[in-house]
Amino acid sequence: MPTPDEALLFYLPAAFDLGAVFFFALTGALVAIRRGYDLIGLFAMSFISGLGGGLIRDGLFLQDGPPALTRDWRYLAAVAAGCFVGWIMGSLLERFRRLVAILDAVGLGAYSIVGVSRSLGVGLSIPAAILVGVINACGGSLLRDVVVREEPIIMKPGQLYVVASFVACATFVVLTLRSGLGAQQSAAVSIAAGFLVRMLAIFFDWRTRAVRPWWDDAFGIGGDAGKE
């Protein structure tokens, strides 16, 4: 791999990074509890949700050495903490889903920027870097849904989630490569942009919709038109 370009790299503060892993892991723990899993299933769901995106980023796309979770024990500790809090306070947290969604939105924007910045830093093209940024942020939820044999929620019509990650990544690329701002300043603005899109989607229920053939939408033709 090429030598990373330090000017394009953004590093999350350790507390913020571990906090994001914790909240992602907590969402996985809540899924496990709702589905009646045992302790192993609880940890597995938390691990996949909290660290799955980073594993895909490091192992599949960047391949720049051992994944971060293997170099710092605190990542696994954050996952374990998410398991514990989910186990102790699961029923209470279910009543505050919007609060959990808000905390998740902060992590979504931050992890999007971590992924895209590291990808740009090692020389990936702009489209590839944005793709890795989105996967870094959303890959955990994708793997979680696959493991529990559900259609991945990020692929179905619903509140803007992947779109918010994409906005954060694209904003970072534009600001870093075109505006002359440093990585840290660009990251702050980009995280805020992704967070704003996600919050607007939550509070105003902005949603994607199912794709239909363009011809049907343009001319008001029913999906079953022409069938006997």
C-alpha atoms as a PDB file:
ATOM      1  CA  MET A   1       0.000   0.000   0.000  1.00  0.00           C
ATOM      2  CA  PRO A   2       1.137   3.592  -0.584  1.00  0.00           C
ATOM      3  CA  THR A   3       2.420   5.610   2.330  1.00  0.00           C
ATOM      4  CA  PRO A   4      -0.530   7.408   3.980  1.00  0.00           C
ATOM      5  CA  ASP A   5      -0.875  11.120   3.256  1.00  0.00           C
ATOM      6  CA  GLU A   6      -1.038  12.552   6.767  1.00  0.00           C
ATOM      7  CA  ALA A   7      -2.669  15.771   5.525  1.00  0.00           C
ATOM      8  CA  LEU A   8      -5.795  13.787   4.607  1.00  0.00           C
ATOM      9  CA  LEU A   9      -6.033  11.672   7.739  1.00  0.00           C
ATOM     10  CA  PHE A  10      -8.534  12.372  10.489  1.00  0.00           C
ATOM     11  CA  TYR A  11      -8.159  10.700  13.860  1.00  0.00           C
ATOM     12  CA  LEU A  12     -11.050  10.524  16.289  1.00  0.00           C
ATOM     13  CA  PRO A  13     -10.232  11.380  19.900  1.00  0.00           C
ATOM     14  CA  ALA A  14      -9.882   8.062  21.719  1.00  0.00           C
ATOM     15  CA  ALA A  15     -12.827   8.715  24.030  1.00  0.00           C
ATOM     16  CA  PHE A  16     -15.075   9.612  21.091  1.00  0.00           C
ATOM     17  CA  ASP A  17     -13.944   6.583  19.098  1.00  0.00           C
ATOM     18  CA  LEU A  18     -14.579   4.165  21.937  1.00  0.00           C
ATOM     19  CA  GLY A  19     -17.870   5.881  22.745  1.00  0.00           C
ATOM     20  CA  ALA A  20     -19.071   5.353  19.170  1.00  0.00           C
ATOM     21  CA  VAL A  21     -18.116   1.668  19.348  1.00  0.00           C
ATOM     22  CA  PHE A  22     -20.001   1.424  22.647  1.00  0.00           C
ATOM     23  CA  PHE A  23     -23.221   2.902  21.248  1.00  0.00           C
ATOM     24  CA  PHE A  24     -23.065   0.830  18.073  1.00  0.00           C
ATOM     25  CA  ALA A  25     -22.473  -2.259  20.220  1.00  0.00           C
ATOM     26  CA  LEU A  26     -25.397  -1.281  22.441  1.00  0.00           C
ATOM     27  CA  THR A  27     -27.758  -1.268  19.451  1.00  0.00           C
ATOM     28  CA  GLY A  28     -26.584  -4.787  18.650  1.00  0.00           C
ATOM     29  CA  ALA A  29     -27.170  -5.876  22.241  1.00  0.00           C
ATOM     30  CA  LEU A  30     -30.738  -4.578  22.111  1.00  0.00           C
ATOM     31  CA  VAL A  31     -31.364  -6.584  18.930  1.00  0.00           C
ATOM     32  CA  ALA A  32     -30.005  -9.724  20.626  1.00  0.00           C
ATOM     33  CA  ILE A  33     -32.213  -9.216  23.685  1.00  0.00           C
ATOM     34  CA  ARG A  34     -35.324  -8.655  21.550  1.00  0.00           C
ATOM     35  CA  ARG A  35     -34.601 -11.921  19.713  1.00  0.00           C
ATOM     36  CA  GLY A  36     -33.993 -13.914  22.906  1.00  0.00           C
ATOM     37  CA  TYR A  37     -30.313 -14.746  22.342  1.00  0.00           C
ATOM     38  CA  ASP A  38     -28.022 -16.142  25.032  1.00  0.00           C
ATOM     39  CA  LEU A  39     -24.858 -14.458  26.323  1.00  0.00           C
ATOM     40  CA  ILE A  40     -22.783 -15.628  23.372  1.00  0.00           C
ATOM     41  CA  GLY A  41     -25.374 -14.292  20.950  1.00  0.00           C
ATOM     42  CA  LEU A  42     -25.515 -11.038  22.910  1.00  0.00           C
ATOM     43  CA  PHE A  43     -21.761 -10.539  22.601  1.00  0.00           C
ATOM     44  CA  ALA A  44     -21.723 -11.582  18.947  1.00  0.00           C
ATOM     45  CA  MET A  45     -24.417  -9.061  18.006  1.00  0.00           C
ATOM     46  CA  SER A  46     -22.640  -6.323  19.949  1.00  0.00           C
ATOM     47  CA  PHE A  47     -19.285  -7.191  18.389  1.00  0.00           C
ATOM     48  CA  ILE A  48     -20.659  -7.215  14.845  1.00  0.00           C
ATOM     49  CA  SER A  49     -22.592  -3.978  15.308  1.00  0.00           C
ATOM     50  CA  GLY A  50     -19.756  -2.157  17.051  1.00  0.00           C
ATOM     51  CA  LEU A  51     -16.751  -3.303  15.039  1.00  0.00           C
ATOM     52  CA  GLY A  52     -18.060  -4.912  11.858  1.00  0.00           C
ATOM     53  CA  GLY A  53     -17.641  -1.832   9.680  1.00  0.00           C
ATOM     54  CA  GLY A  54     -14.054  -1.301  10.796  1.00  0.00           C
ATOM     55  CA  LEU A  55     -13.226  -4.958  10.153  1.00  0.00           C
ATOM     56  CA  ILE A  56     -14.539  -4.702   6.587  1.00  0.00           C
ATOM     57  CA  ARG A  57     -12.584  -1.463   6.077  1.00  0.00           C
ATOM     58  CA  ASP A  58      -9.276  -2.757   7.395  1.00  0.00           C
ATOM     59  CA  GLY A  59      -9.462  -6.338   6.200  1.00  0.00           C
ATOM     60  CA  LEU A  60     -11.077  -6.004   2.789  1.00  0.00           C
ATOM     61  CA  PHE A  61     -10.322  -2.534   1.461  1.00  0.00           C
ATOM     62  CA  LEU A  62      -7.285  -0.948   3.131  1.00  0.00           C
ATOM     63  CA  GLN A  63      -5.290  -4.056   4.119  1.00  0.00           C
ATOM     64  CA  ASP A  64      -2.812  -1.911   6.036  1.00  0.00           C
ATOM     65  CA  GLY A  65      -2.000  -4.347   8.825  1.00  0.00           C
ATOM     66  CA  PRO A  66      -3.966  -5.959  11.663  1.00  0.00           C
ATOM     67  CA  PRO A  67      -7.394  -4.404  12.311  1.00  0.00           C
ATOM     68  CA  ALA A  68      -7.478  -1.660  14.920  1.00  0.00           C
ATOM     69  CA  LEU A  69      -9.424  -3.823  17.382  1.00  0.00           C
ATOM     70  CA  THR A  70      -6.526  -6.297  17.549  1.00  0.00           C
ATOM     71  CA  ARG A  71      -4.056  -3.539  18.427  1.00  0.00           C
ATOM     72  CA  ASP A  72      -6.047  -1.899  21.222  1.00  0.00           C
ATOM     73  CA  TRP A  73      -7.863  -3.938  23.869  1.00  0.00           C
ATOM     74  CA  ARG A  74     -10.174  -1.005  24.631  1.00  0.00           C
ATOM     75  CA  TYR A  75     -12.283  -1.721  21.541  1.00  0.00           C
ATOM     76  CA  LEU A  76     -13.304  -5.110  22.910  1.00  0.00           C
ATOM     77  CA  ALA A  77     -13.843  -3.502  26.316  1.00  0.00           C
ATOM     78  CA  ALA A  78     -16.239  -1.002  24.698  1.00  0.00           C
ATOM     79  CA  VAL A  79     -18.140  -3.888  23.094  1.00  0.00           C
ATOM     80  CA  ALA A  80     -18.319  -5.692  26.446  1.00  0.00           C
ATOM     81  CA  ALA A  81     -19.609  -2.503  28.066  1.00  0.00           C
ATOM     82  CA  GLY A  82     -22.312  -2.240  25.395  1.00  0.00           C
ATOM     83  CA  CYS A  83     -23.325  -5.830  26.175  1.00  0.00           C
ATOM     84  CA  PHE A  84     -23.481  -5.155  29.900  1.00  0.00           C
ATOM     85  CA  VAL A  85     -25.501  -1.942  29.631  1.00  0.00           C
ATOM     86  CA  GLY A  86     -27.883  -3.554  27.163  1.00  0.00           C
ATOM     87  CA  TRP A  87     -28.375  -6.510  29.499  1.00  0.00           C
ATOM     88  CA  ILE A  88     -28.918  -4.354  32.617  1.00  0.00           C
ATOM     89  CA  MET A  89     -30.969  -1.532  31.076  1.00  0.00           C
ATOM     90  CA  GLY A  90     -32.432  -3.051  27.913  1.00  0.00           C
ATOM     91  CA  SER A  91     -36.102  -2.564  28.788  1.00  0.00           C
ATOM     92  CA  LEU A  92     -35.479   1.016  29.925  1.00  0.00           C
ATOM     93  CA  LEU A  93     -33.489   1.916  26.819  1.00  0.00           C
ATOM     94  CA  GLU A  94     -36.278   0.616  24.586  1.00  0.00           C
ATOM     95  CA  ARG A  95     -38.372   3.513  25.914  1.00  0.00           C
ATOM     96  CA  PHE A  96     -35.762   6.011  24.767  1.00  0.00           C
ATOM     97  CA  ARG A  97     -35.200   4.827  21.214  1.00  0.00           C
ATOM     98  CA  ARG A  98     -35.001   8.377  19.898  1.00  0.00           C
ATOM     99  CA  LEU A  99     -32.164   9.211  22.317  1.00  0.00           C
ATOM    100  CA  VAL A 100     -30.289   6.086  21.247  1.00  0.00           C
ATOM    101  CA  ALA A 101     -30.872   7.085  17.608  1.00  0.00           C
ATOM    102  CA  ILE A 102     -29.406  10.533  18.273  1.00  0.00           C
ATOM    103  CA  LEU A 103     -26.271   9.069  19.846  1.00  0.00           C
ATOM    104  CA  ASP A 104     -26.035   6.603  16.979  1.00  0.00           C
ATOM    105  CA  ALA A 105     -26.225   9.522  14.514  1.00  0.00           C
ATOM    106  CA  VAL A 106     -23.124  11.110  16.031  1.00  0.00           C
ATOM    107  CA  GLY A 107     -21.210   7.863  15.616  1.00  0.00           C
ATOM    108  CA  LEU A 108     -22.523   7.477  12.070  1.00  0.00           C
ATOM    109  CA  GLY A 109     -21.032  10.786  10.963  1.00  0.00           C
ATOM    110  CA  ALA A 110     -17.760  10.272  12.787  1.00  0.00           C
ATOM    111  CA  TYR A 111     -17.142   6.763  11.468  1.00  0.00           C
ATOM    112  CA  SER A 112     -18.017   7.876   7.950  1.00  0.00           C
ATOM    113  CA  ILE A 113     -15.215  10.426   8.126  1.00  0.00           C
ATOM    114  CA  VAL A 114     -12.723   7.995   9.645  1.00  0.00           C
ATOM    115  CA  GLY A 115     -13.319   5.601   6.760  1.00  0.00           C
ATOM    116  CA  VAL A 116     -13.151   8.141   3.954  1.00  0.00           C
ATOM    117  CA  SER A 117     -10.125   9.960   5.359  1.00  0.00           C
ATOM    118  CA  ARG A 118      -8.068   6.808   5.810  1.00  0.00           C
ATOM    119  CA  SER A 119      -9.006   5.698   2.314  1.00  0.00           C
ATOM    120  CA  LEU A 120      -7.934   8.996   0.763  1.00  0.00           C
ATOM    121  CA  GLY A 121      -4.773   8.907   2.847  1.00  0.00           C
ATOM    122  CA  VAL A 122      -3.642   5.604   1.327  1.00  0.00           C
ATOM    123  CA  GLY A 123      -4.406   6.699  -2.224  1.00  0.00           C
ATOM    124  CA  LEU A 124      -7.851   5.264  -3.017  1.00  0.00           C
ATOM    125  CA  SER A 125      -9.841   7.079  -5.662  1.00  0.00           C
ATOM    126  CA  ILE A 126     -12.539   9.497  -4.525  1.00  0.00           C
ATOM    127  CA  PRO A 127     -15.500   7.186  -5.350  1.00  0.00           C
ATOM    128  CA  ALA A 128     -13.776   4.246  -3.649  1.00  0.00           C
ATOM    129  CA  ALA A 129     -12.946   6.356  -0.581  1.00  0.00           C
ATOM    130  CA  ILE A 130     -16.564   7.472  -0.230  1.00  0.00           C
ATOM    131  CA  LEU A 131     -17.713   3.855  -0.573  1.00  0.00           C
ATOM    132  CA  VAL A 132     -15.324   2.740   2.181  1.00  0.00           C
ATOM    133  CA  GLY A 133     -16.488   5.622   4.386  1.00  0.00           C
ATOM    134  CA  VAL A 134     -20.119   4.573   4.046  1.00  0.00           C
ATOM    135  CA  ILE A 135     -19.256   0.914   4.670  1.00  0.00           C
ATOM    136  CA  ASN A 136     -17.174   1.870   7.702  1.00  0.00           C
ATOM    137  CA  ALA A 137     -20.215   3.576   9.203  1.00  0.00           C
ATOM    138  CA  CYS A 138     -22.977   1.219   8.054  1.00  0.00           C
ATOM    139  CA  GLY A 139     -21.195  -2.119   7.681  1.00  0.00           C
ATOM    140  CA  GLY A 140     -21.889  -3.220  11.242  1.00  0.00           C
ATOM    141  CA  SER A 141     -25.658  -2.923  10.853  1.00  0.00           C
ATOM    142  CA  LEU A 142     -25.437  -4.678   7.480  1.00  0.00           C
ATOM    143  CA  LEU A 143     -23.548  -7.650   8.949  1.00  0.00           C
ATOM    144  CA  ARG A 144     -25.885  -7.759  11.950  1.00  0.00           C
ATOM    145  CA  ASP A 145     -28.975  -8.080   9.750  1.00  0.00           C
ATOM    146  CA  VAL A 146     -27.321 -10.741   7.591  1.00  0.00           C
ATOM    147  CA  VAL A 147     -26.384 -12.804  10.661  1.00  0.00           C
ATOM    148  CA  VAL A 148     -29.948 -12.717  12.024  1.00  0.00           C
ATOM    149  CA  ARG A 149     -31.252 -13.616   8.544  1.00  0.00           C
ATOM    150  CA  GLU A 150     -33.198 -10.434   7.959  1.00  0.00           C
ATOM    151  CA  GLU A 151     -33.211  -8.232   4.901  1.00  0.00           C
ATOM    152  CA  PRO A 152     -30.586  -5.566   5.655  1.00  0.00           C
ATOM    153  CA  ILE A 153     -32.497  -2.561   6.911  1.00  0.00           C
ATOM    154  CA  ILE A 154     -30.162  -0.170   5.092  1.00  0.00           C
ATOM    155  CA  MET A 155     -31.344  -1.629   1.762  1.00  0.00           C
ATOM    156  CA  LYS A 156     -35.059  -1.186   2.395  1.00  0.00           C
ATOM    157  CA  PRO A 157     -37.158   1.995   2.207  1.00  0.00           C
ATOM    158  CA  GLY A 158     -36.855   3.836   5.497  1.00  0.00           C
ATOM    159  CA  GLN A 159     -35.479   6.901   7.253  1.00  0.00           C
ATOM    160  CA  LEU A 160     -32.343   8.346   5.679  1.00  0.00           C
ATOM    161  CA  TYR A 161     -29.303   6.539   7.094  1.00  0.00           C
ATOM    162  CA  VAL A 162     -26.891   5.606   4.334  1.00  0.00           C
ATOM    163  CA  VAL A 163     -27.719   8.959   2.714  1.00  0.00           C
ATOM    164  CA  ALA A 164     -26.568  10.767   5.862  1.00  0.00           C
ATOM    165  CA  SER A 165     -23.286   8.842   5.791  1.00  0.00           C
ATOM    166  CA  PHE A 166     -22.825   9.640   2.095  1.00  0.00           C
ATOM    167  CA  VAL A 167     -23.412  13.358   2.743  1.00  0.00           C
ATOM    168  CA  ALA A 168     -20.762  13.339   5.475  1.00  0.00           C
ATOM    169  CA  CYS A 169     -18.229  11.551   3.238  1.00  0.00           C
ATOM    170  CA  ALA A 170     -18.874  13.735   0.206  1.00  0.00           C
ATOM    171  CA  THR A 171     -18.649  16.897   2.294  1.00  0.00           C
ATOM    172  CA  PHE A 172     -15.283  15.806   3.681  1.00  0.00           C
ATOM    173  CA  VAL A 173     -13.926  15.082   0.195  1.00  0.00           C
ATOM    174  CA  VAL A 174     -15.024  18.474  -1.154  1.00  0.00           C
ATOM    175  CA  LEU A 175     -13.741  20.452   1.812  1.00  0.00           C
ATOM    176  CA  THR A 176     -10.425  18.629   2.077  1.00  0.00           C
ATOM    177  CA  LEU A 177      -9.520  18.466  -1.595  1.00  0.00           C
ATOM    178  CA  ARG A 178     -11.161  21.627  -2.921  1.00  0.00           C
ATOM    179  CA  SER A 179     -11.455  24.202  -0.151  1.00  0.00           C
ATOM    180  CA  GLY A 180      -7.990  23.943   1.345  1.00  0.00           C
ATOM    181  CA  LEU A 181      -9.272  23.239   4.868  1.00  0.00           C
ATOM    182  CA  GLY A 182      -7.258  20.841   6.997  1.00  0.00           C
ATOM    183  CA  ALA A 183      -8.514  17.375   7.794  1.00  0.00           C
ATOM    184  CA  GLN A 184      -9.601  18.246  11.341  1.00  0.00           C
ATOM    185  CA  GLN A 185     -11.672  21.284  10.330  1.00  0.00           C
ATOM    186  CA  SER A 186     -13.160  19.451   7.353  1.00  0.00           C
ATOM    187  CA  ALA A 187     -14.033  16.514   9.568  1.00  0.00           C
ATOM    188  CA  ALA A 188     -15.861  18.690  12.109  1.00  0.00           C
ATOM    189  CA  VAL A 189     -18.019  20.291   9.402  1.00  0.00           C
ATOM    190  CA  SER A 190     -18.638  16.949   7.676  1.00  0.00           C
ATOM    191  CA  ILE A 191     -19.664  15.141  10.862  1.00  0.00           C
ATOM    192  CA  ALA A 192     -22.075  17.985  11.590  1.00  0.00           C
ATOM    193  CA  ALA A 193     -23.509  17.730   8.063  1.00  0.00           C
ATOM    194  CA  GLY A 194     -24.120  13.983   8.347  1.00  0.00           C
ATOM    195  CA  PHE A 195     -25.581  14.409  11.840  1.00  0.00           C
ATOM    196  CA  LEU A 196     -27.917  17.159  10.621  1.00  0.00           C
ATOM    197  CA  VAL A 197     -29.259  15.034   7.761  1.00  0.00           C
ATOM    198  CA  ARG A 198     -29.842  12.098  10.098  1.00  0.00           C
ATOM    199  CA  MET A 199     -31.576  14.283  12.712  1.00  0.00           C
ATOM    200  CA  LEU A 200     -33.857  15.855  10.126  1.00  0.00           C
ATOM    201  CA  ALA A 201     -34.735  12.372   8.914  1.00  0.00           C
ATOM    202  CA  ILE A 202     -35.595  11.270  12.464  1.00  0.00           C
ATOM    203  CA  PHE A 203     -37.645  14.305  13.469  1.00  0.00           C
ATOM    204  CA  PHE A 204     -39.411  14.869  10.135  1.00  0.00           C
ATOM    205  CA  ASP A 205     -39.526  11.200   9.125  1.00  0.00           C
ATOM    206  CA  TRP A 206     -37.702  11.758   5.837  1.00  0.00           C
ATOM    207  CA  ARG A 207     -37.672   8.439   4.034  1.00  0.00           C
ATOM    208  CA  THR A 208     -36.427   6.752   0.936  1.00  0.00           C
ATOM    209  CA  ARG A 209     -38.977   4.942  -1.197  1.00  0.00           C
ATOM    210  CA  ALA A 210     -39.030   1.740  -3.164  1.00  0.00           C
ATOM    211  CA  VAL A 211     -37.628   1.953  -6.679  1.00  0.00           C
ATOM    212  CA  ARG A 212     -40.165   1.470  -9.476  1.00  0.00           C
ATOM    213  CA  PRO A 213     -39.539   1.405 -13.220  1.00  0.00           C
ATOM    214  CA  TRP A 214     -39.091   4.978 -14.439  1.00  0.00           C
ATOM    215  CA  TRP A 215     -41.618   4.441 -17.211  1.00  0.00           C
ATOM    216  CA  ASP A 216     -44.322   3.509 -14.694  1.00  0.00           C
ATOM    217  CA  ASP A 217     -43.667   6.570 -12.519  1.00  0.00           C
ATOM    218  CA  ALA A 218     -43.421   8.983 -15.434  1.00  0.00           C
ATOM    219  CA  PHE A 219     -46.667   7.928 -17.067  1.00  0.00           C
ATOM    220  CA  GLY A 220     -48.623   6.698 -14.051  1.00  0.00           C
ATOM    221  CA  ILE A 221     -48.702   3.128 -15.269  1.00  0.00           C
ATOM    222  CA  GLY A 222     -49.429   0.476 -12.690  1.00  0.00           C
ATOM    223  CA  GLY A 223     -46.786  -2.140 -11.988  1.00  0.00           C
ATOM    224  CA  ASP A 224     -49.067  -4.880 -13.344  1.00  0.00           C
ATOM    225  CA  ALA A 225     -50.110  -2.983 -16.470  1.00  0.00           C
ATOM    226  CA  GLY A 226     -50.099  -5.066 -19.610  1.00  0.00           C
ATOM    227  CA  LYS A 227     -50.274  -8.378 -17.748  1.00  0.00           C
ATOM    228  CA  GLU A 228     -53.116 -10.752 -18.468  1.00  0.00           C
END
